[in-house]
Amino acid sequence: MFQLPHSREYNSFVNQLIRCSSSGAANYRAVSRAKSKADFINKLKIVEEEWDESQFFLEVIEEINSNQELTTEIKRLIKEADEIVAIIVASLKTSRS
């Protein structure tokens, strides 16, 4: 675990990251309760958007970061978010066919 500096700049982006990543997780849980194929796809699309937004805020944090020790961990998280988005996109493609 790493800790980002406490500043207005970081806090704003970190708060947004927390919101979209937790929303992505909550919406992923809702996917399993979909009432139809269309509902499943719609809920999964929301998950994709939330995780893509999470990746965006990680990239913004990476851009403003000046601490080299944090760079490796931030890059790892960006890669993980990218992998999650890729899995969701593949699931959407499969669901639509």
PDB file of N, CA and C in Angstrom:
ATOM      1  N   MET A   1       0.847  -1.183   0.000  1.00  0.00           N
ATOM      2  CA  MET A   1       0.000   0.000   0.000  1.00  0.00           C
ATOM      3  C   MET A   1       0.888   1.240   0.000  1.00  0.00           C
ATOM      4  N   PHE A   2       0.448   2.250  -0.652  1.00  0.00           N
ATOM      5  CA  PHE A   2       1.215   3.479  -0.711  1.00  0.00           C
ATOM      6  C   PHE A   2       0.319   4.643  -0.308  1.00  0.00           C
ATOM      7  N   GLN A   3       0.929   5.732   0.020  1.00  0.00           N
ATOM      8  CA  GLN A   3       0.161   6.890   0.441  1.00  0.00           C
ATOM      9  C   GLN A   3       0.565   8.082  -0.412  1.00  0.00           C
ATOM     10  N   LEU A   4      -0.441   8.695  -1.011  1.00  0.00           N
ATOM     11  CA  LEU A   4      -0.208   9.894  -1.810  1.00  0.00           C
ATOM     12  C   LEU A   4      -0.115  11.104  -0.900  1.00  0.00           C
ATOM     13  N   PRO A   5       0.540  12.136  -1.350  1.00  0.00           N
ATOM     14  CA  PRO A   5       0.607  13.364  -0.552  1.00  0.00           C
ATOM     15  C   PRO A   5      -0.790  13.939  -0.308  1.00  0.00           C
ATOM     16  N   HIS A   6      -0.921  14.637   0.782  1.00  0.00           N
ATOM     17  CA  HIS A   6      -2.185  15.308   1.093  1.00  0.00           C
ATOM     18  C   HIS A   6      -2.094  16.751   0.615  1.00  0.00           C
ATOM     19  N   SER A   7      -2.780  17.029  -0.466  1.00  0.00           N
ATOM     20  CA  SER A   7      -2.860  18.389  -0.989  1.00  0.00           C
ATOM     21  C   SER A   7      -4.188  18.519  -1.707  1.00  0.00           C
ATOM     22  N   ARG A   8      -4.608  19.732  -1.970  1.00  0.00           N
ATOM     23  CA  ARG A   8      -5.874  19.944  -2.685  1.00  0.00           C
ATOM     24  C   ARG A   8      -5.859  19.236  -4.027  1.00  0.00           C
ATOM     25  N   GLU A   9      -4.722  19.313  -4.702  1.00  0.00           N
ATOM     26  CA  GLU A   9      -4.593  18.718  -6.023  1.00  0.00           C
ATOM     27  C   GLU A   9      -4.803  17.206  -5.966  1.00  0.00           C
ATOM     28  N   TYR A  10      -4.060  16.535  -5.123  1.00  0.00           N
ATOM     29  CA  TYR A  10      -4.175  15.081  -4.997  1.00  0.00           C
ATOM     30  C   TYR A  10      -5.531  14.678  -4.427  1.00  0.00           C
ATOM     31  N   ASN A  11      -5.972  15.359  -3.378  1.00  0.00           N
ATOM     32  CA  ASN A  11      -7.216  14.972  -2.713  1.00  0.00           C
ATOM     33  C   ASN A  11      -8.400  14.972  -3.665  1.00  0.00           C
ATOM     34  N   SER A  12      -8.470  15.953  -4.538  1.00  0.00           N
ATOM     35  CA  SER A  12      -9.564  16.028  -5.493  1.00  0.00           C
ATOM     36  C   SER A  12      -9.581  14.809  -6.407  1.00  0.00           C
ATOM     37  N   PHE A  13      -8.428  14.450  -6.952  1.00  0.00           N
ATOM     38  CA  PHE A  13      -8.355  13.306  -7.864  1.00  0.00           C
ATOM     39  C   PHE A  13      -8.534  11.984  -7.131  1.00  0.00           C
ATOM     40  N   VAL A  14      -7.976  11.877  -5.954  1.00  0.00           N
ATOM     41  CA  VAL A  14      -8.121  10.647  -5.170  1.00  0.00           C
ATOM     42  C   VAL A  14      -9.578  10.428  -4.789  1.00  0.00           C
ATOM     43  N   ASN A  15     -10.282  11.491  -4.397  1.00  0.00           N
ATOM     44  CA  ASN A  15     -11.702  11.356  -4.058  1.00  0.00           C
ATOM     45  C   ASN A  15     -12.509  10.887  -5.261  1.00  0.00           C
ATOM     46  N   GLN A  16     -12.209  11.423  -6.435  1.00  0.00           N
ATOM     47  CA  GLN A  16     -12.893  10.981  -7.648  1.00  0.00           C
ATOM     48  C   GLN A  16     -12.570   9.513  -7.939  1.00  0.00           C
ATOM     49  N   LEU A  17     -11.317   9.136  -7.757  1.00  0.00           N
ATOM     50  CA  LEU A  17     -10.905   7.752  -7.977  1.00  0.00           C
ATOM     51  C   LEU A  17     -11.656   6.811  -7.037  1.00  0.00           C
ATOM     52  N   ILE A  18     -11.783   7.192  -5.801  1.00  0.00           N
ATOM     53  CA  ILE A  18     -12.507   6.362  -4.825  1.00  0.00           C
ATOM     54  C   ILE A  18     -13.962   6.211  -5.245  1.00  0.00           C
ATOM     55  N   ARG A  19     -14.587   7.296  -5.687  1.00  0.00           N
ATOM     56  CA  ARG A  19     -15.994   7.248  -6.090  1.00  0.00           C
ATOM     57  C   ARG A  19     -16.213   6.309  -7.281  1.00  0.00           C
ATOM     58  N   CYS A  20     -15.419   6.491  -8.331  1.00  0.00           N
ATOM     59  CA  CYS A  20     -15.676   5.688  -9.538  1.00  0.00           C
ATOM     60  C   CYS A  20     -15.249   4.234  -9.355  1.00  0.00           C
ATOM     61  N   SER A  21     -14.188   3.977  -8.620  1.00  0.00           N
ATOM     62  CA  SER A  21     -13.778   2.580  -8.434  1.00  0.00           C
ATOM     63  C   SER A  21     -14.766   1.832  -7.536  1.00  0.00           C
ATOM     64  N   SER A  22     -15.265   2.484  -6.507  1.00  0.00           N
ATOM     65  CA  SER A  22     -16.251   1.811  -5.650  1.00  0.00           C
ATOM     66  C   SER A  22     -17.580   1.657  -6.383  1.00  0.00           C
ATOM     67  N   SER A  23     -17.928   2.608  -7.231  1.00  0.00           N
ATOM     68  CA  SER A  23     -19.139   2.488  -8.040  1.00  0.00           C
ATOM     69  C   SER A  23     -19.004   1.338  -9.029  1.00  0.00           C
ATOM     70  N   GLY A  24     -17.831   1.193  -9.626  1.00  0.00           N
ATOM     71  CA  GLY A  24     -17.599   0.080 -10.542  1.00  0.00           C
ATOM     72  C   GLY A  24     -17.781  -1.255  -9.850  1.00  0.00           C
ATOM     73  N   ALA A  25     -17.264  -1.358  -8.644  1.00  0.00           N
ATOM     74  CA  ALA A  25     -17.395  -2.603  -7.883  1.00  0.00           C
ATOM     75  C   ALA A  25     -18.853  -2.877  -7.514  1.00  0.00           C
ATOM     76  N   ALA A  26     -19.566  -1.858  -7.077  1.00  0.00           N
ATOM     77  CA  ALA A  26     -20.970  -2.031  -6.702  1.00  0.00           C
ATOM     78  C   ALA A  26     -21.825  -2.391  -7.919  1.00  0.00           C
ATOM     79  N   ASN A  27     -21.553  -1.752  -9.036  1.00  0.00           N
ATOM     80  CA  ASN A  27     -22.311  -2.055 -10.248  1.00  0.00           C
ATOM     81  C   ASN A  27     -21.974  -3.443 -10.787  1.00  0.00           C
ATOM     82  N   TYR A  28     -20.741  -3.885 -10.596  1.00  0.00           N
ATOM     83  CA  TYR A  28     -20.378  -5.243 -11.007  1.00  0.00           C
ATOM     84  C   TYR A  28     -21.198  -6.259 -10.219  1.00  0.00           C
ATOM     85  N   ARG A  29     -21.393  -5.991  -8.957  1.00  0.00           N
ATOM     86  CA  ARG A  29     -22.224  -6.875  -8.142  1.00  0.00           C
ATOM     87  C   ARG A  29     -23.653  -6.902  -8.680  1.00  0.00           C
ATOM     88  N   ALA A  30     -24.143  -5.754  -9.114  1.00  0.00           N
ATOM     89  CA  ALA A  30     -25.504  -5.656  -9.649  1.00  0.00           C
ATOM     90  C   ALA A  30     -25.660  -6.437 -10.952  1.00  0.00           C
ATOM     91  N   VAL A  31     -24.570  -6.617 -11.694  1.00  0.00           N
ATOM     92  CA  VAL A  31     -24.625  -7.365 -12.953  1.00  0.00           C
ATOM     93  C   VAL A  31     -25.187  -8.764 -12.717  1.00  0.00           C
ATOM     94  N   SER A  32     -24.796  -9.380 -11.624  1.00  0.00           N
ATOM     95  CA  SER A  32     -25.250 -10.749 -11.345  1.00  0.00           C
ATOM     96  C   SER A  32     -26.741 -10.815 -11.044  1.00  0.00           C
ATOM     97  N   ARG A  33     -27.363  -9.676 -10.835  1.00  0.00           N
ATOM     98  CA  ARG A  33     -28.801  -9.634 -10.539  1.00  0.00           C
ATOM     99  C   ARG A  33     -29.615  -9.099 -11.722  1.00  0.00           C
ATOM    100  N   ALA A  34     -29.007  -9.078 -12.886  1.00  0.00           N
ATOM    101  CA  ALA A  34     -29.697  -8.565 -14.072  1.00  0.00           C
ATOM    102  C   ALA A  34     -30.941  -9.402 -14.358  1.00  0.00           C
ATOM    103  N   LYS A  35     -31.974  -8.733 -14.831  1.00  0.00           N
ATOM    104  CA  LYS A  35     -33.257  -9.395 -15.060  1.00  0.00           C
ATOM    105  C   LYS A  35     -33.434  -9.891 -16.492  1.00  0.00           C
ATOM    106  N   SER A  36     -32.552  -9.437 -17.376  1.00  0.00           N
ATOM    107  CA  SER A  36     -32.617  -9.861 -18.773  1.00  0.00           C
ATOM    108  C   SER A  36     -31.233  -9.683 -19.394  1.00  0.00           C
ATOM    109  N   LYS A  37     -31.092 -10.181 -20.618  1.00  0.00           N
ATOM    110  CA  LYS A  37     -29.819 -10.016 -21.318  1.00  0.00           C
ATOM    111  C   LYS A  37     -29.535  -8.533 -21.550  1.00  0.00           C
ATOM    112  N   ALA A  38     -30.560  -7.771 -21.924  1.00  0.00           N
ATOM    113  CA  ALA A  38     -30.376  -6.335 -22.152  1.00  0.00           C
ATOM    114  C   ALA A  38     -29.987  -5.623 -20.858  1.00  0.00           C
ATOM    115  N   ASP A  39     -30.595  -6.017 -19.754  1.00  0.00           N
ATOM    116  CA  ASP A  39     -30.262  -5.429 -18.454  1.00  0.00           C
ATOM    117  C   ASP A  39     -28.832  -5.789 -18.066  1.00  0.00           C
ATOM    118  N   PHE A  40     -28.438  -7.043 -18.323  1.00  0.00           N
ATOM    119  CA  PHE A  40     -27.075  -7.501 -18.051  1.00  0.00           C
ATOM    120  C   PHE A  40     -26.067  -6.643 -18.816  1.00  0.00           C
ATOM    121  N   ILE A  41     -26.312  -6.456 -20.108  1.00  0.00           N
ATOM    122  CA  ILE A  41     -25.403  -5.667 -20.943  1.00  0.00           C
ATOM    123  C   ILE A  41     -25.354  -4.220 -20.467  1.00  0.00           C
ATOM    124  N   ASN A  42     -26.512  -3.660 -20.144  1.00  0.00           N
ATOM    125  CA  ASN A  42     -26.563  -2.274 -19.669  1.00  0.00           C
ATOM    126  C   ASN A  42     -25.773  -2.096 -18.377  1.00  0.00           C
ATOM    127  N   LYS A  43     -25.957  -3.001 -17.439  1.00  0.00           N
ATOM    128  CA  LYS A  43     -25.229  -2.909 -16.167  1.00  0.00           C
ATOM    129  C   LYS A  43     -23.720  -3.098 -16.381  1.00  0.00           C
ATOM    130  N   LEU A  44     -23.359  -4.026 -17.258  1.00  0.00           N
ATOM    131  CA  LEU A  44     -21.946  -4.258 -17.537  1.00  0.00           C
ATOM    132  C   LEU A  44     -21.317  -3.046 -18.231  1.00  0.00           C
ATOM    133  N   LYS A  45     -22.088  -2.360 -19.064  1.00  0.00           N
ATOM    134  CA  LYS A  45     -21.596  -1.141 -19.724  1.00  0.00           C
ATOM    135  C   LYS A  45     -21.295  -0.061 -18.680  1.00  0.00           C
ATOM    136  N   ILE A  46     -22.113   0.040 -17.662  1.00  0.00           N
ATOM    137  CA  ILE A  46     -21.869   0.995 -16.575  1.00  0.00           C
ATOM    138  C   ILE A  46     -20.572   0.643 -15.854  1.00  0.00           C
ATOM    139  N   VAL A  47     -20.350  -0.649 -15.623  1.00  0.00           N
ATOM    140  CA  VAL A  47     -19.114  -1.103 -14.981  1.00  0.00           C
ATOM    141  C   VAL A  47     -17.911  -0.690 -15.835  1.00  0.00           C
ATOM    142  N   GLU A  48     -18.009  -0.899 -17.144  1.00  0.00           N
ATOM    143  CA  GLU A  48     -16.925  -0.515 -18.046  1.00  0.00           C
ATOM    144  C   GLU A  48     -16.625   0.978 -17.926  1.00  0.00           C
ATOM    145  N   GLU A  49     -17.660   1.793 -17.932  1.00  0.00           N
ATOM    146  CA  GLU A  49     -17.471   3.244 -17.837  1.00  0.00           C
ATOM    147  C   GLU A  49     -16.812   3.645 -16.522  1.00  0.00           C
ATOM    148  N   GLU A  50     -17.238   3.037 -15.429  1.00  0.00           N
ATOM    149  CA  GLU A  50     -16.678   3.379 -14.122  1.00  0.00           C
ATOM    150  C   GLU A  50     -15.209   2.975 -14.021  1.00  0.00           C
ATOM    151  N   TRP A  51     -14.859   1.797 -14.552  1.00  0.00           N
ATOM    152  CA  TRP A  51     -13.459   1.367 -14.491  1.00  0.00           C
ATOM    153  C   TRP A  51     -12.585   2.162 -15.444  1.00  0.00           C
ATOM    154  N   ASP A  52     -13.148   2.552 -16.584  1.00  0.00           N
ATOM    155  CA  ASP A  52     -12.400   3.417 -17.493  1.00  0.00           C
ATOM    156  C   ASP A  52     -12.133   4.764 -16.825  1.00  0.00           C
ATOM    157  N   GLU A  53     -13.125   5.271 -16.117  1.00  0.00           N
ATOM    158  CA  GLU A  53     -12.948   6.530 -15.380  1.00  0.00           C
ATOM    159  C   GLU A  53     -11.904   6.361 -14.271  1.00  0.00           C
ATOM    160  N   SER A  54     -11.911   5.226 -13.608  1.00  0.00           N
ATOM    161  CA  SER A  54     -10.904   4.951 -12.576  1.00  0.00           C
ATOM    162  C   SER A  54      -9.507   4.989 -13.180  1.00  0.00           C
ATOM    163  N   GLN A  55      -9.370   4.364 -14.345  1.00  0.00           N
ATOM    164  CA  GLN A  55      -8.076   4.367 -15.027  1.00  0.00           C
ATOM    165  C   GLN A  55      -7.671   5.794 -15.388  1.00  0.00           C
ATOM    166  N   PHE A  56      -8.620   6.588 -15.840  1.00  0.00           N
ATOM    167  CA  PHE A  56      -8.335   7.984 -16.169  1.00  0.00           C
ATOM    168  C   PHE A  56      -7.766   8.728 -14.966  1.00  0.00           C
ATOM    169  N   PHE A  57      -8.403   8.590 -13.806  1.00  0.00           N
ATOM    170  CA  PHE A  57      -7.921   9.315 -12.628  1.00  0.00           C
ATOM    171  C   PHE A  57      -6.573   8.790 -12.148  1.00  0.00           C
ATOM    172  N   LEU A  58      -6.314   7.516 -12.327  1.00  0.00           N
ATOM    173  CA  LEU A  58      -4.978   6.994 -12.021  1.00  0.00           C
ATOM    174  C   LEU A  58      -3.942   7.631 -12.942  1.00  0.00           C
ATOM    175  N   GLU A  59      -4.282   7.783 -14.208  1.00  0.00           N
ATOM    176  CA  GLU A  59      -3.365   8.416 -15.155  1.00  0.00           C
ATOM    177  C   GLU A  59      -3.125   9.882 -14.814  1.00  0.00           C
ATOM    178  N   VAL A  60      -4.160  10.575 -14.356  1.00  0.00           N
ATOM    179  CA  VAL A  60      -3.996  11.970 -13.932  1.00  0.00           C
ATOM    180  C   VAL A  60      -3.075  12.033 -12.716  1.00  0.00           C
ATOM    181  N   ILE A  61      -3.294  11.144 -11.768  1.00  0.00           N
ATOM    182  CA  ILE A  61      -2.445  11.106 -10.573  1.00  0.00           C
ATOM    183  C   ILE A  61      -1.000  10.806 -10.968  1.00  0.00           C
ATOM    184  N   GLU A  62      -0.821   9.911 -11.931  1.00  0.00           N
ATOM    185  CA  GLU A  62       0.529   9.608 -12.405  1.00  0.00           C
ATOM    186  C   GLU A  62       1.184  10.868 -12.985  1.00  0.00           C
ATOM    187  N   GLU A  63       0.413  11.653 -13.723  1.00  0.00           N
ATOM    188  CA  GLU A  63       0.952  12.869 -14.348  1.00  0.00           C
ATOM    189  C   GLU A  63       1.400  13.909 -13.312  1.00  0.00           C
ATOM    190  N   ILE A  64       0.652  14.048 -12.235  1.00  0.00           N
ATOM    191  CA  ILE A  64       1.003  15.075 -11.240  1.00  0.00           C
ATOM    192  C   ILE A  64       1.972  14.561 -10.189  1.00  0.00           C
ATOM    193  N   ASN A  65       2.189  13.259 -10.182  1.00  0.00           N
ATOM    194  CA  ASN A  65       3.079  12.653  -9.198  1.00  0.00           C
ATOM    195  C   ASN A  65       4.540  13.033  -9.476  1.00  0.00           C
ATOM    196  N   SER A  66       5.241  13.405  -8.443  1.00  0.00           N
ATOM    197  CA  SER A  66       6.666  13.708  -8.586  1.00  0.00           C
ATOM    198  C   SER A  66       7.531  12.774  -7.736  1.00  0.00           C
ATOM    199  N   ASN A  67       6.895  11.849  -7.044  1.00  0.00           N
ATOM    200  CA  ASN A  67       7.600  10.911  -6.176  1.00  0.00           C
ATOM    201  C   ASN A  67       7.876   9.621  -6.946  1.00  0.00           C
ATOM    202  N   GLN A  68       9.127   9.383  -7.259  1.00  0.00           N
ATOM    203  CA  GLN A  68       9.509   8.212  -8.046  1.00  0.00           C
ATOM    204  C   GLN A  68       9.131   6.891  -7.361  1.00  0.00           C
ATOM    205  N   GLU A  69       9.103   6.883  -6.042  1.00  0.00           N
ATOM    206  CA  GLU A  69       8.736   5.662  -5.320  1.00  0.00           C
ATOM    207  C   GLU A  69       7.290   5.268  -5.597  1.00  0.00           C
ATOM    208  N   LEU A  70       6.437   6.245  -5.823  1.00  0.00           N
ATOM    209  CA  LEU A  70       5.031   5.967  -6.090  1.00  0.00           C
ATOM    210  C   LEU A  70       4.773   5.592  -7.545  1.00  0.00           C
ATOM    211  N   THR A  71       5.660   5.996  -8.428  1.00  0.00           N
ATOM    212  CA  THR A  71       5.449   5.793  -9.861  1.00  0.00           C
ATOM    213  C   THR A  71       5.225   4.328 -10.203  1.00  0.00           C
ATOM    214  N   THR A  72       6.007   3.435  -9.662  1.00  0.00           N
ATOM    215  CA  THR A  72       5.881   2.008  -9.960  1.00  0.00           C
ATOM    216  C   THR A  72       4.512   1.486  -9.545  1.00  0.00           C
ATOM    217  N   GLU A  73       4.079   1.851  -8.362  1.00  0.00           N
ATOM    218  CA  GLU A  73       2.783   1.377  -7.868  1.00  0.00           C
ATOM    219  C   GLU A  73       1.638   1.969  -8.682  1.00  0.00           C
ATOM    220  N   ILE A  74       1.723   3.222  -9.032  1.00  0.00           N
ATOM    221  CA  ILE A  74       0.673   3.852  -9.838  1.00  0.00           C
ATOM    222  C   ILE A  74       0.605   3.176 -11.208  1.00  0.00           C
ATOM    223  N   LYS A  75       1.746   2.920 -11.818  1.00  0.00           N
ATOM    224  CA  LYS A  75       1.779   2.234 -13.119  1.00  0.00           C
ATOM    225  C   LYS A  75       1.173   0.836 -13.012  1.00  0.00           C
ATOM    226  N   ARG A  76       1.420   0.142 -11.929  1.00  0.00           N
ATOM    227  CA  ARG A  76       0.845  -1.190 -11.717  1.00  0.00           C
ATOM    228  C   ARG A  76      -0.672  -1.106 -11.635  1.00  0.00           C
ATOM    229  N   LEU A  77      -1.171  -0.103 -10.926  1.00  0.00           N
ATOM    230  CA  LEU A  77      -2.615   0.068 -10.800  1.00  0.00           C
ATOM    231  C   LEU A  77      -3.265   0.441 -12.132  1.00  0.00           C
ATOM    232  N   ILE A  78      -2.582   1.256 -12.919  1.00  0.00           N
ATOM    233  CA  ILE A  78      -3.093   1.612 -14.246  1.00  0.00           C
ATOM    234  C   ILE A  78      -3.177   0.358 -15.114  1.00  0.00           C
ATOM    235  N   LYS A  79      -2.154  -0.464 -15.068  1.00  0.00           N
ATOM    236  CA  LYS A  79      -2.146  -1.711 -15.849  1.00  0.00           C
ATOM    237  C   LYS A  79      -3.279  -2.620 -15.395  1.00  0.00           C
ATOM    238  N   GLU A  80      -3.480  -2.724 -14.102  1.00  0.00           N
ATOM    239  CA  GLU A  80      -4.555  -3.560 -13.574  1.00  0.00           C
ATOM    240  C   GLU A  80      -5.923  -3.032 -14.009  1.00  0.00           C
ATOM    241  N   ALA A  81      -6.113  -1.728 -13.944  1.00  0.00           N
ATOM    242  CA  ALA A  81      -7.375  -1.133 -14.394  1.00  0.00           C
ATOM    243  C   ALA A  81      -7.588  -1.404 -15.877  1.00  0.00           C
ATOM    244  N   ASP A  82      -6.524  -1.301 -16.668  1.00  0.00           N
ATOM    245  CA  ASP A  82      -6.614  -1.572 -18.099  1.00  0.00           C
ATOM    246  C   ASP A  82      -7.025  -3.023 -18.341  1.00  0.00           C
ATOM    247  N   GLU A  83      -6.482  -3.933 -17.567  1.00  0.00           N
ATOM    248  CA  GLU A  83      -6.834  -5.346 -17.698  1.00  0.00           C
ATOM    249  C   GLU A  83      -8.301  -5.590 -17.325  1.00  0.00           C
ATOM    250  N   ILE A  84      -8.768  -4.921 -16.291  1.00  0.00           N
ATOM    251  CA  ILE A  84     -10.173  -5.053 -15.886  1.00  0.00           C
ATOM    252  C   ILE A  84     -11.088  -4.536 -16.990  1.00  0.00           C
ATOM    253  N   VAL A  85     -10.761  -3.383 -17.560  1.00  0.00           N
ATOM    254  CA  VAL A  85     -11.567  -2.828 -18.652  1.00  0.00           C
ATOM    255  C   VAL A  85     -11.575  -3.800 -19.834  1.00  0.00           C
ATOM    256  N   ALA A  86     -10.428  -4.382 -20.151  1.00  0.00           N
ATOM    257  CA  ALA A  86     -10.351  -5.337 -21.265  1.00  0.00           C
ATOM    258  C   ALA A  86     -11.237  -6.561 -21.010  1.00  0.00           C
ATOM    259  N   ILE A  87     -11.266  -7.040 -19.795  1.00  0.00           N
ATOM    260  CA  ILE A  87     -12.112  -8.184 -19.440  1.00  0.00           C
ATOM    261  C   ILE A  87     -13.585  -7.815 -19.597  1.00  0.00           C
ATOM    262  N   ILE A  88     -13.947  -6.637 -19.115  1.00  0.00           N
ATOM    263  CA  ILE A  88     -15.340  -6.180 -19.207  1.00  0.00           C
ATOM    264  C   ILE A  88     -15.746  -6.028 -20.673  1.00  0.00           C
ATOM    265  N   VAL A  89     -14.881  -5.427 -21.486  1.00  0.00           N
ATOM    266  CA  VAL A  89     -15.170  -5.243 -22.914  1.00  0.00           C
ATOM    267  C   VAL A  89     -15.342  -6.602 -23.594  1.00  0.00           C
ATOM    268  N   ALA A  90     -14.476  -7.554 -23.276  1.00  0.00           N
ATOM    269  CA  ALA A  90     -14.604  -8.900 -23.851  1.00  0.00           C
ATOM    270  C   ALA A  90     -15.925  -9.551 -23.424  1.00  0.00           C
ATOM    271  N   SER A  91     -16.306  -9.347 -22.185  1.00  0.00           N
ATOM    272  CA  SER A  91     -17.582  -9.886 -21.699  1.00  0.00           C
ATOM    273  C   SER A  91     -18.757  -9.245 -22.427  1.00  0.00           C
ATOM    274  N   LEU A  92     -18.663  -7.952 -22.672  1.00  0.00           N
ATOM    275  CA  LEU A  92     -19.722  -7.268 -23.418  1.00  0.00           C
ATOM    276  C   LEU A  92     -19.835  -7.809 -24.839  1.00  0.00           C
ATOM    277  N   LYS A  93     -18.688  -8.010 -25.496  1.00  0.00           N
ATOM    278  CA  LYS A  93     -18.699  -8.559 -26.865  1.00  0.00           C
ATOM    279  C   LYS A  93     -19.336  -9.947 -26.885  1.00  0.00           C
ATOM    280  N   THR A  94     -18.966 -10.769 -25.924  1.00  0.00           N
ATOM    281  CA  THR A  94     -19.536 -12.114 -25.845  1.00  0.00           C
ATOM    282  C   THR A  94     -21.043 -12.054 -25.588  1.00  0.00           C
ATOM    283  N   SER A  95     -21.459 -11.171 -24.714  1.00  0.00           N
ATOM    284  CA  SER A  95     -22.874 -11.051 -24.363  1.00  0.00           C
ATOM    285  C   SER A  95     -23.722 -10.570 -25.532  1.00  0.00           C
ATOM    286  N   ARG A  96     -23.144  -9.739 -26.369  1.00  0.00           N
ATOM    287  CA  ARG A  96     -23.883  -9.178 -27.502  1.00  0.00           C
ATOM    288  C   ARG A  96     -23.995 -10.153 -28.664  1.00  0.00           C
ATOM    289  N   SER A  97     -23.137 -11.171 -28.687  1.00  0.00           N
ATOM    290  CA  SER A  97     -23.188 -12.116 -29.819  1.00  0.00           C
ATOM    291  C   SER A  97     -24.027 -13.343 -29.528  1.00  0.00           C
TER     292      SER A  97
END
